[in-house]
Amino acid sequence: MEHLLSNAHFWVGLAFLIFVVVLFVAGVHKFAWKALGDAGDKVRGQLAEAEALRAEAQRLLDKIKVERDAAEKHAAEMLADAEEAAKRMQAEAKVKLAEQIERRGQLAERRIATAEAQATADVKAAAADLAAAMAEQVLTARIAGAKSDPLIDAAIGQMAAKLQ
């Protein structure tokens, strides 16, 4: 036992044991336990808050996914509508173009017919003028060469009969 009393490790161990008993008697373990419990409660509160934030973030993510899907569907519908409208407008433009070409063709045909009629009238007028000029020359030549023209005499005779 003497050997124990001179050993430093023994005294350190005994002092530590007494220190622990004093702490236990003083109720330090209650304070430590309470501090650890409070810290645990704080950590549990933070975990609960983090879980609530995670749940809300998940709800927001789900909502955003639904909205994105709806937006993609709406965009696809708008694109389909736009393509349909473009096809319809293209068909309408083709019809209008065909109608316009038809109208312009008819207008061109009317102008050509008018020009042909005008040219025919001009040719007839020129022919009538030429015939009148030729008749004038022939009559002038006959009158100048003869004092009486048998045609004129016949015409005068017919007129005398018609006037009576």
N, C-alpha and C. Protein backbone atom coordinates (compact mmCIF):
# COMPACT_ATOMS: atom_id res chain seq x y z
N MET A 1 0.80 -1.15 0.00
CA MET A 1 0.00 0.00 0.00
C MET A 1 0.87 1.25 0.00
N GLU A 2 1.96 1.11 0.55
CA GLU A 2 2.87 2.21 0.57
C GLU A 2 3.30 2.57 -0.84
N HIS A 3 3.35 1.60 -1.60
CA HIS A 3 3.72 1.81 -2.97
C HIS A 3 2.63 2.62 -3.69
N LEU A 4 1.39 2.43 -3.31
CA LEU A 4 0.29 3.17 -3.89
C LEU A 4 0.31 4.62 -3.46
N LEU A 5 0.67 4.84 -2.20
CA LEU A 5 0.67 6.19 -1.67
C LEU A 5 1.78 7.05 -2.29
N SER A 6 2.81 6.43 -2.77
CA SER A 6 3.89 7.19 -3.37
C SER A 6 3.75 7.30 -4.90
N ASN A 7 2.80 6.62 -5.45
CA ASN A 7 2.59 6.63 -6.90
C ASN A 7 1.74 7.86 -7.28
N ALA A 8 2.23 8.67 -8.24
CA ALA A 8 1.57 9.90 -8.67
C ALA A 8 0.29 9.60 -9.43
N HIS A 9 0.29 8.53 -10.17
CA HIS A 9 -0.91 8.18 -10.93
C HIS A 9 -2.08 7.88 -10.02
N PHE A 10 -1.78 7.26 -8.90
CA PHE A 10 -2.83 6.95 -7.92
C PHE A 10 -3.48 8.23 -7.45
N TRP A 11 -2.68 9.22 -7.07
CA TRP A 11 -3.19 10.46 -6.54
C TRP A 11 -3.97 11.25 -7.61
N VAL A 12 -3.52 11.21 -8.82
CA VAL A 12 -4.23 11.88 -9.89
C VAL A 12 -5.59 11.22 -10.09
N GLY A 13 -5.61 9.91 -10.08
CA GLY A 13 -6.86 9.18 -10.26
C GLY A 13 -7.83 9.45 -9.14
N LEU A 14 -7.29 9.47 -7.86
CA LEU A 14 -8.13 9.72 -6.69
C LEU A 14 -8.68 11.15 -6.74
N ALA A 15 -7.85 12.11 -7.15
CA ALA A 15 -8.29 13.50 -7.23
C ALA A 15 -9.39 13.63 -8.30
N PHE A 16 -9.21 12.92 -9.37
CA PHE A 16 -10.22 12.98 -10.43
C PHE A 16 -11.53 12.38 -9.96
N LEU A 17 -11.45 11.28 -9.23
CA LEU A 17 -12.66 10.64 -8.70
C LEU A 17 -13.37 11.56 -7.73
N ILE A 18 -12.64 12.24 -6.88
CA ILE A 18 -13.24 13.16 -5.92
C ILE A 18 -13.87 14.34 -6.66
N PHE A 19 -13.17 14.81 -7.69
CA PHE A 19 -13.70 15.93 -8.48
C PHE A 19 -15.03 15.55 -9.13
N VAL A 20 -15.10 14.34 -9.66
CA VAL A 20 -16.33 13.89 -10.30
C VAL A 20 -17.45 13.77 -9.29
N VAL A 21 -17.16 13.24 -8.08
CA VAL A 21 -18.18 13.08 -7.03
C VAL A 21 -18.66 14.46 -6.59
N VAL A 22 -17.76 15.44 -6.48
CA VAL A 22 -18.15 16.78 -6.06
C VAL A 22 -19.06 17.39 -7.13
N LEU A 23 -18.70 17.19 -8.38
CA LEU A 23 -19.54 17.72 -9.46
C LEU A 23 -20.92 17.06 -9.44
N PHE A 24 -20.96 15.77 -9.16
CA PHE A 24 -22.23 15.07 -9.13
C PHE A 24 -23.08 15.55 -7.97
N VAL A 25 -22.46 15.74 -6.81
CA VAL A 25 -23.19 16.20 -5.63
C VAL A 25 -23.66 17.63 -5.85
N ALA A 26 -22.87 18.44 -6.52
CA ALA A 26 -23.24 19.83 -6.75
C ALA A 26 -24.35 19.93 -7.81
N GLY A 27 -24.63 18.91 -8.52
CA GLY A 27 -25.70 18.91 -9.51
C GLY A 27 -25.28 19.45 -10.87
N VAL A 28 -23.99 19.43 -11.11
CA VAL A 28 -23.48 19.93 -12.38
C VAL A 28 -24.00 19.06 -13.51
N HIS A 29 -24.18 17.78 -13.25
CA HIS A 29 -24.65 16.89 -14.31
C HIS A 29 -26.05 17.32 -14.81
N LYS A 30 -26.86 17.92 -13.90
CA LYS A 30 -28.18 18.39 -14.30
C LYS A 30 -28.05 19.59 -15.26
N PHE A 31 -27.10 20.49 -14.90
CA PHE A 31 -26.88 21.64 -15.78
C PHE A 31 -26.32 21.19 -17.15
N ALA A 32 -25.40 20.24 -17.11
CA ALA A 32 -24.80 19.75 -18.35
C ALA A 32 -25.88 19.04 -19.19
N TRP A 33 -26.66 18.22 -18.49
CA TRP A 33 -27.73 17.50 -19.20
C TRP A 33 -28.74 18.47 -19.79
N LYS A 34 -29.06 19.54 -19.02
CA LYS A 34 -29.99 20.55 -19.49
C LYS A 34 -29.38 21.31 -20.68
N ALA A 35 -28.10 21.65 -20.62
CA ALA A 35 -27.44 22.35 -21.71
C ALA A 35 -27.42 21.48 -22.97
N LEU A 36 -27.11 20.21 -22.77
CA LEU A 36 -27.12 19.29 -23.92
C LEU A 36 -28.54 19.13 -24.48
N GLY A 37 -29.53 19.09 -23.60
CA GLY A 37 -30.93 18.98 -24.04
C GLY A 37 -31.36 20.22 -24.80
N ASP A 38 -30.96 21.41 -24.27
CA ASP A 38 -31.30 22.65 -24.97
C ASP A 38 -30.65 22.70 -26.35
N ALA A 39 -29.40 22.30 -26.40
CA ALA A 39 -28.69 22.28 -27.69
C ALA A 39 -29.38 21.29 -28.63
N GLY A 40 -29.78 20.14 -28.09
CA GLY A 40 -30.48 19.14 -28.90
C GLY A 40 -31.81 19.68 -29.40
N ASP A 41 -32.52 20.39 -28.49
CA ASP A 41 -33.80 20.98 -28.90
C ASP A 41 -33.59 22.02 -30.00
N LYS A 42 -32.52 22.82 -29.85
CA LYS A 42 -32.23 23.83 -30.86
C LYS A 42 -31.92 23.16 -32.21
N VAL A 43 -31.12 22.09 -32.16
CA VAL A 43 -30.78 21.36 -33.39
C VAL A 43 -32.03 20.73 -33.99
N ARG A 44 -32.90 20.16 -33.12
CA ARG A 44 -34.14 19.57 -33.62
C ARG A 44 -35.03 20.65 -34.27
N GLY A 45 -35.08 21.83 -33.66
CA GLY A 45 -35.86 22.94 -34.24
C GLY A 45 -35.31 23.35 -35.60
N GLN A 46 -33.98 23.44 -35.68
CA GLN A 46 -33.36 23.78 -36.96
C GLN A 46 -33.62 22.70 -38.02
N LEU A 47 -33.58 21.43 -37.56
CA LEU A 47 -33.87 20.34 -38.49
C LEU A 47 -35.33 20.40 -38.97
N ALA A 48 -36.23 20.70 -38.04
CA ALA A 48 -37.65 20.81 -38.42
C ALA A 48 -37.84 21.98 -39.39
N GLU A 49 -37.18 23.10 -39.11
CA GLU A 49 -37.28 24.25 -40.01
C GLU A 49 -36.70 23.92 -41.38
N ALA A 50 -35.55 23.22 -41.37
CA ALA A 50 -34.93 22.83 -42.64
C ALA A 50 -35.85 21.87 -43.40
N GLU A 51 -36.50 20.96 -42.69
CA GLU A 51 -37.43 20.03 -43.33
C GLU A 51 -38.62 20.78 -43.92
N ALA A 52 -39.13 21.78 -43.18
CA ALA A 52 -40.25 22.58 -43.69
C ALA A 52 -39.82 23.37 -44.93
N LEU A 53 -38.62 23.94 -44.90
CA LEU A 53 -38.11 24.67 -46.06
C LEU A 53 -37.92 23.74 -47.26
N ARG A 54 -37.41 22.52 -46.97
CA ARG A 54 -37.24 21.55 -48.05
C ARG A 54 -38.59 21.15 -48.64
N ALA A 55 -39.59 20.96 -47.79
CA ALA A 55 -40.93 20.60 -48.27
C ALA A 55 -41.52 21.74 -49.10
N GLU A 56 -41.34 22.98 -48.64
CA GLU A 56 -41.86 24.12 -49.40
C GLU A 56 -41.12 24.26 -50.73
N ALA A 57 -39.81 24.05 -50.71
CA ALA A 57 -39.03 24.11 -51.95
C ALA A 57 -39.51 23.01 -52.91
N GLN A 58 -39.82 21.84 -52.39
CA GLN A 58 -40.32 20.75 -53.23
C GLN A 58 -41.67 21.11 -53.82
N ARG A 59 -42.54 21.73 -53.02
CA ARG A 59 -43.85 22.16 -53.52
C ARG A 59 -43.67 23.21 -54.63
N LEU A 60 -42.76 24.17 -54.38
CA LEU A 60 -42.51 25.19 -55.40
C LEU A 60 -41.95 24.57 -56.68
N LEU A 61 -41.05 23.60 -56.52
CA LEU A 61 -40.48 22.92 -57.67
C LEU A 61 -41.57 22.18 -58.44
N ASP A 62 -42.44 21.49 -57.72
CA ASP A 62 -43.56 20.79 -58.39
C ASP A 62 -44.47 21.78 -59.11
N LYS A 63 -44.74 22.92 -58.46
CA LYS A 63 -45.59 23.94 -59.06
C LYS A 63 -44.93 24.50 -60.32
N ILE A 64 -43.64 24.75 -60.25
CA ILE A 64 -42.91 25.28 -61.40
C ILE A 64 -42.90 24.26 -62.53
N LYS A 65 -42.76 22.97 -62.20
CA LYS A 65 -42.80 21.93 -63.23
C LYS A 65 -44.16 21.91 -63.91
N VAL A 66 -45.22 22.01 -63.10
CA VAL A 66 -46.58 22.02 -63.67
C VAL A 66 -46.75 23.25 -64.57
N GLU A 67 -46.31 24.42 -64.08
CA GLU A 67 -46.43 25.64 -64.88
C GLU A 67 -45.60 25.55 -66.16
N ARG A 68 -44.40 24.96 -66.06
CA ARG A 68 -43.55 24.79 -67.23
C ARG A 68 -44.23 23.88 -68.24
N ASP A 69 -44.79 22.77 -67.74
CA ASP A 69 -45.49 21.85 -68.65
C ASP A 69 -46.68 22.56 -69.31
N ALA A 70 -47.41 23.35 -68.53
CA ALA A 70 -48.54 24.10 -69.10
C ALA A 70 -48.05 25.12 -70.12
N ALA A 71 -46.94 25.79 -69.81
CA ALA A 71 -46.38 26.77 -70.74
C ALA A 71 -45.90 26.10 -72.02
N GLU A 72 -45.26 24.93 -71.89
CA GLU A 72 -44.80 24.21 -73.07
C GLU A 72 -46.01 23.76 -73.91
N LYS A 73 -47.05 23.30 -73.25
CA LYS A 73 -48.26 22.88 -73.96
C LYS A 73 -48.89 24.08 -74.68
N HIS A 74 -48.96 25.21 -73.96
CA HIS A 74 -49.52 26.43 -74.56
C HIS A 74 -48.68 26.88 -75.74
N ALA A 75 -47.37 26.82 -75.59
CA ALA A 75 -46.47 27.22 -76.68
C ALA A 75 -46.65 26.30 -77.88
N ALA A 76 -46.80 25.00 -77.62
CA ALA A 76 -47.03 24.06 -78.72
C ALA A 76 -48.35 24.36 -79.41
N GLU A 77 -49.39 24.67 -78.63
CA GLU A 77 -50.68 25.01 -79.22
C GLU A 77 -50.57 26.29 -80.05
N MET A 78 -49.86 27.30 -79.51
CA MET A 78 -49.68 28.55 -80.24
C MET A 78 -48.92 28.29 -81.54
N LEU A 79 -47.91 27.45 -81.49
CA LEU A 79 -47.13 27.13 -82.68
C LEU A 79 -48.00 26.42 -83.70
N ALA A 80 -48.81 25.47 -83.24
CA ALA A 80 -49.72 24.76 -84.15
C ALA A 80 -50.72 25.73 -84.76
N ASP A 81 -51.26 26.63 -83.92
CA ASP A 81 -52.22 27.63 -84.44
C ASP A 81 -51.55 28.54 -85.46
N ALA A 82 -50.32 28.94 -85.16
CA ALA A 82 -49.59 29.82 -86.09
C ALA A 82 -49.32 29.11 -87.41
N GLU A 83 -48.94 27.84 -87.34
CA GLU A 83 -48.70 27.09 -88.57
C GLU A 83 -49.99 26.95 -89.37
N GLU A 84 -51.09 26.67 -88.67
CA GLU A 84 -52.38 26.55 -89.35
C GLU A 84 -52.78 27.88 -89.99
N ALA A 85 -52.59 28.97 -89.24
CA ALA A 85 -52.91 30.30 -89.78
C ALA A 85 -52.02 30.61 -90.98
N ALA A 86 -50.76 30.23 -90.92
CA ALA A 86 -49.85 30.48 -92.04
C ALA A 86 -50.29 29.68 -93.27
N LYS A 87 -50.70 28.43 -93.06
CA LYS A 87 -51.18 27.63 -94.18
C LYS A 87 -52.45 28.24 -94.77
N ARG A 88 -53.35 28.67 -93.88
CA ARG A 88 -54.60 29.28 -94.34
C ARG A 88 -54.30 30.56 -95.11
N MET A 89 -53.41 31.38 -94.57
CA MET A 89 -53.06 32.64 -95.24
C MET A 89 -52.39 32.36 -96.59
N GLN A 90 -51.58 31.31 -96.65
CA GLN A 90 -50.93 30.96 -97.90
C GLN A 90 -51.97 30.54 -98.93
N ALA A 91 -52.94 29.73 -98.49
CA ALA A 91 -54.00 29.30 -99.41
C ALA A 91 -54.82 30.50 -99.87
N GLU A 92 -55.15 31.40 -98.95
CA GLU A 92 -55.90 32.60 -99.32
C GLU A 92 -55.10 33.46 -100.29
N ALA A 93 -53.80 33.57 -100.04
CA ALA A 93 -52.95 34.38 -100.92
C ALA A 93 -52.90 33.76 -102.32
N LYS A 94 -52.86 32.42 -102.39
CA LYS A 94 -52.86 31.76 -103.69
C LYS A 94 -54.16 32.06 -104.43
N VAL A 95 -55.28 31.97 -103.70
CA VAL A 95 -56.58 32.23 -104.32
C VAL A 95 -56.65 33.68 -104.79
N LYS A 96 -56.23 34.62 -103.94
CA LYS A 96 -56.26 36.03 -104.31
C LYS A 96 -55.35 36.30 -105.50
N LEU A 97 -54.18 35.65 -105.51
CA LEU A 97 -53.26 35.84 -106.63
C LEU A 97 -53.87 35.31 -107.92
N ALA A 98 -54.51 34.14 -107.83
CA ALA A 98 -55.15 33.58 -109.03
C ALA A 98 -56.27 34.50 -109.51
N GLU A 99 -57.06 35.04 -108.57
CA GLU A 99 -58.13 35.97 -108.94
C GLU A 99 -57.55 37.23 -109.58
N GLN A 100 -56.48 37.74 -109.01
CA GLN A 100 -55.86 38.95 -109.54
C GLN A 100 -55.28 38.69 -110.93
N ILE A 101 -54.66 37.53 -111.11
CA ILE A 101 -54.13 37.19 -112.43
C ILE A 101 -55.27 37.08 -113.43
N GLU A 102 -56.38 36.46 -113.01
CA GLU A 102 -57.54 36.33 -113.89
C GLU A 102 -58.09 37.70 -114.27
N ARG A 103 -58.23 38.59 -113.26
CA ARG A 103 -58.73 39.94 -113.53
C ARG A 103 -57.80 40.69 -114.48
N ARG A 104 -56.52 40.58 -114.24
CA ARG A 104 -55.56 41.28 -115.11
C ARG A 104 -55.58 40.70 -116.52
N GLY A 105 -55.77 39.39 -116.61
CA GLY A 105 -55.86 38.75 -117.93
C GLY A 105 -57.09 39.26 -118.67
N GLN A 106 -58.22 39.33 -117.95
CA GLN A 106 -59.44 39.84 -118.57
C GLN A 106 -59.28 41.30 -118.99
N LEU A 107 -58.64 42.08 -118.11
CA LEU A 107 -58.40 43.49 -118.43
C LEU A 107 -57.51 43.60 -119.67
N ALA A 108 -56.48 42.76 -119.74
CA ALA A 108 -55.59 42.79 -120.90
C ALA A 108 -56.35 42.39 -122.16
N GLU A 109 -57.22 41.37 -122.04
CA GLU A 109 -58.01 40.94 -123.20
C GLU A 109 -58.94 42.06 -123.65
N ARG A 110 -59.57 42.77 -122.68
CA ARG A 110 -60.45 43.90 -123.04
C ARG A 110 -59.64 45.00 -123.72
N ARG A 111 -58.46 45.28 -123.20
CA ARG A 111 -57.62 46.31 -123.82
C ARG A 111 -57.21 45.91 -125.23
N ILE A 112 -56.87 44.63 -125.39
CA ILE A 112 -56.49 44.14 -126.73
C ILE A 112 -57.69 44.26 -127.67
N ALA A 113 -58.88 43.84 -127.18
CA ALA A 113 -60.08 43.92 -128.02
C ALA A 113 -60.37 45.38 -128.38
N THR A 114 -60.22 46.27 -127.39
CA THR A 114 -60.45 47.69 -127.65
C THR A 114 -59.44 48.21 -128.67
N ALA A 115 -58.19 47.81 -128.51
CA ALA A 115 -57.15 48.25 -129.44
C ALA A 115 -57.42 47.69 -130.83
N GLU A 116 -57.88 46.41 -130.91
CA GLU A 116 -58.20 45.83 -132.21
C GLU A 116 -59.37 46.58 -132.86
N ALA A 117 -60.40 46.87 -132.04
CA ALA A 117 -61.56 47.60 -132.58
C ALA A 117 -61.14 48.98 -133.05
N GLN A 118 -60.30 49.64 -132.26
CA GLN A 118 -59.81 50.97 -132.65
C GLN A 118 -59.00 50.88 -133.93
N ALA A 119 -58.13 49.84 -134.00
CA ALA A 119 -57.31 49.68 -135.21
C ALA A 119 -58.19 49.38 -136.41
N THR A 120 -59.21 48.54 -136.22
CA THR A 120 -60.14 48.24 -137.31
C THR A 120 -60.87 49.50 -137.75
N ALA A 121 -61.34 50.27 -136.77
CA ALA A 121 -62.03 51.53 -137.09
C ALA A 121 -61.09 52.48 -137.81
N ASP A 122 -59.84 52.56 -137.36
CA ASP A 122 -58.86 53.44 -138.01
C ASP A 122 -58.61 52.99 -139.44
N VAL A 123 -58.49 51.65 -139.63
CA VAL A 123 -58.24 51.13 -140.98
C VAL A 123 -59.45 51.42 -141.86
N LYS A 124 -60.68 51.20 -141.29
CA LYS A 124 -61.89 51.47 -142.09
C LYS A 124 -61.98 52.96 -142.43
N ALA A 125 -61.66 53.82 -141.46
CA ALA A 125 -61.71 55.26 -141.71
C ALA A 125 -60.68 55.65 -142.76
N ALA A 126 -59.48 55.07 -142.64
CA ALA A 126 -58.44 55.37 -143.62
C ALA A 126 -58.86 54.86 -145.00
N ALA A 127 -59.48 53.66 -145.02
CA ALA A 127 -59.95 53.11 -146.30
C ALA A 127 -61.06 53.98 -146.87
N ALA A 128 -61.98 54.45 -146.01
CA ALA A 128 -63.07 55.32 -146.47
C ALA A 128 -62.50 56.63 -147.00
N ASP A 129 -61.52 57.19 -146.26
CA ASP A 129 -60.89 58.43 -146.72
C ASP A 129 -60.19 58.22 -148.06
N LEU A 130 -59.49 57.09 -148.17
CA LEU A 130 -58.80 56.79 -149.42
C LEU A 130 -59.81 56.59 -150.56
N ALA A 131 -60.91 55.87 -150.26
CA ALA A 131 -61.93 55.64 -151.29
C ALA A 131 -62.57 56.96 -151.70
N ALA A 132 -62.83 57.84 -150.73
CA ALA A 132 -63.42 59.14 -151.04
C ALA A 132 -62.45 59.95 -151.89
N ALA A 133 -61.17 59.91 -151.53
CA ALA A 133 -60.17 60.66 -152.29
C ALA A 133 -60.07 60.11 -153.70
N MET A 134 -60.09 58.80 -153.81
CA MET A 134 -60.02 58.17 -155.13
C MET A 134 -61.27 58.50 -155.96
N ALA A 135 -62.42 58.45 -155.30
CA ALA A 135 -63.67 58.78 -156.00
C ALA A 135 -63.63 60.23 -156.45
N GLU A 136 -63.09 61.09 -155.59
CA GLU A 136 -62.99 62.51 -155.95
C GLU A 136 -62.08 62.67 -157.16
N GLN A 137 -60.98 61.96 -157.17
CA GLN A 137 -60.05 62.06 -158.30
C GLN A 137 -60.71 61.54 -159.57
N VAL A 138 -61.41 60.41 -159.42
CA VAL A 138 -62.06 59.83 -160.60
C VAL A 138 -63.13 60.77 -161.11
N LEU A 139 -63.93 61.29 -160.19
CA LEU A 139 -65.01 62.20 -160.61
C LEU A 139 -64.43 63.48 -161.19
N THR A 140 -63.39 63.98 -160.58
CA THR A 140 -62.77 65.20 -161.08
C THR A 140 -62.23 64.95 -162.47
N ALA A 141 -61.61 63.82 -162.67
CA ALA A 141 -61.05 63.50 -163.98
C ALA A 141 -62.15 63.33 -165.00
N ARG A 142 -63.26 62.75 -164.65
CA ARG A 142 -64.37 62.56 -165.59
C ARG A 142 -65.03 63.89 -165.92
N ILE A 143 -65.23 64.70 -164.89
CA ILE A 143 -65.88 65.99 -165.12
C ILE A 143 -64.97 66.86 -165.97
N ALA A 144 -63.71 66.84 -165.70
CA ALA A 144 -62.78 67.66 -166.46
C ALA A 144 -62.72 67.19 -167.91
N GLY A 145 -62.82 65.90 -168.15
CA GLY A 145 -62.70 65.36 -169.51
C GLY A 145 -64.01 65.44 -170.28
N ALA A 146 -65.13 65.46 -169.64
CA ALA A 146 -66.39 65.48 -170.35
C ALA A 146 -67.30 66.50 -169.71
N LYS A 147 -68.10 67.07 -170.58
CA LYS A 147 -68.99 68.09 -170.07
C LYS A 147 -70.12 67.46 -169.31
N SER A 148 -70.51 66.27 -169.70
CA SER A 148 -71.56 65.61 -168.96
C SER A 148 -71.11 64.20 -168.67
N ASP A 149 -71.39 63.82 -167.47
CA ASP A 149 -71.02 62.48 -167.03
C ASP A 149 -72.27 61.64 -167.05
N PRO A 150 -72.21 60.45 -167.67
CA PRO A 150 -73.42 59.66 -167.74
C PRO A 150 -73.92 59.25 -166.36
N LEU A 151 -73.05 59.04 -165.43
CA LEU A 151 -73.48 58.66 -164.08
C LEU A 151 -74.19 59.82 -163.41
N ILE A 152 -73.64 61.00 -163.58
CA ILE A 152 -74.26 62.17 -162.97
C ILE A 152 -75.60 62.44 -163.62
N ASP A 153 -75.65 62.30 -164.91
CA ASP A 153 -76.92 62.51 -165.61
C ASP A 153 -77.96 61.50 -165.15
N ALA A 154 -77.56 60.27 -164.97
CA ALA A 154 -78.49 59.23 -164.52
C ALA A 154 -78.95 59.53 -163.11
N ALA A 155 -78.04 59.99 -162.28
CA ALA A 155 -78.38 60.30 -160.88
C ALA A 155 -79.33 61.47 -160.85
N ILE A 156 -79.12 62.47 -161.68
CA ILE A 156 -80.01 63.64 -161.70
C ILE A 156 -81.38 63.22 -162.19
N GLY A 157 -81.41 62.33 -163.16
CA GLY A 157 -82.68 61.84 -163.68
C GLY A 157 -83.43 61.07 -162.61
N GLN A 158 -82.73 60.31 -161.84
CA GLN A 158 -83.38 59.54 -160.77
C GLN A 158 -83.88 60.49 -159.70
N MET A 159 -83.18 61.53 -159.43
CA MET A 159 -83.57 62.46 -158.39
C MET A 159 -84.81 63.22 -158.82
N ALA A 160 -84.85 63.55 -160.08
CA ALA A 160 -86.03 64.27 -160.55
C ALA A 160 -87.25 63.39 -160.40
N ALA A 161 -87.09 62.08 -160.66
CA ALA A 161 -88.21 61.18 -160.54
C ALA A 161 -88.58 60.98 -159.08
N LYS A 162 -87.64 60.98 -158.23
CA LYS A 162 -87.90 60.74 -156.80
C LYS A 162 -88.49 61.97 -156.14
N LEU A 163 -88.15 63.14 -156.62
CA LEU A 163 -88.66 64.36 -155.99
C LEU A 163 -90.10 64.57 -156.36
N GLN A 164 -90.57 64.07 -157.39
CA GLN A 164 -91.96 64.31 -157.79
C GLN A 164 -92.89 63.45 -157.08
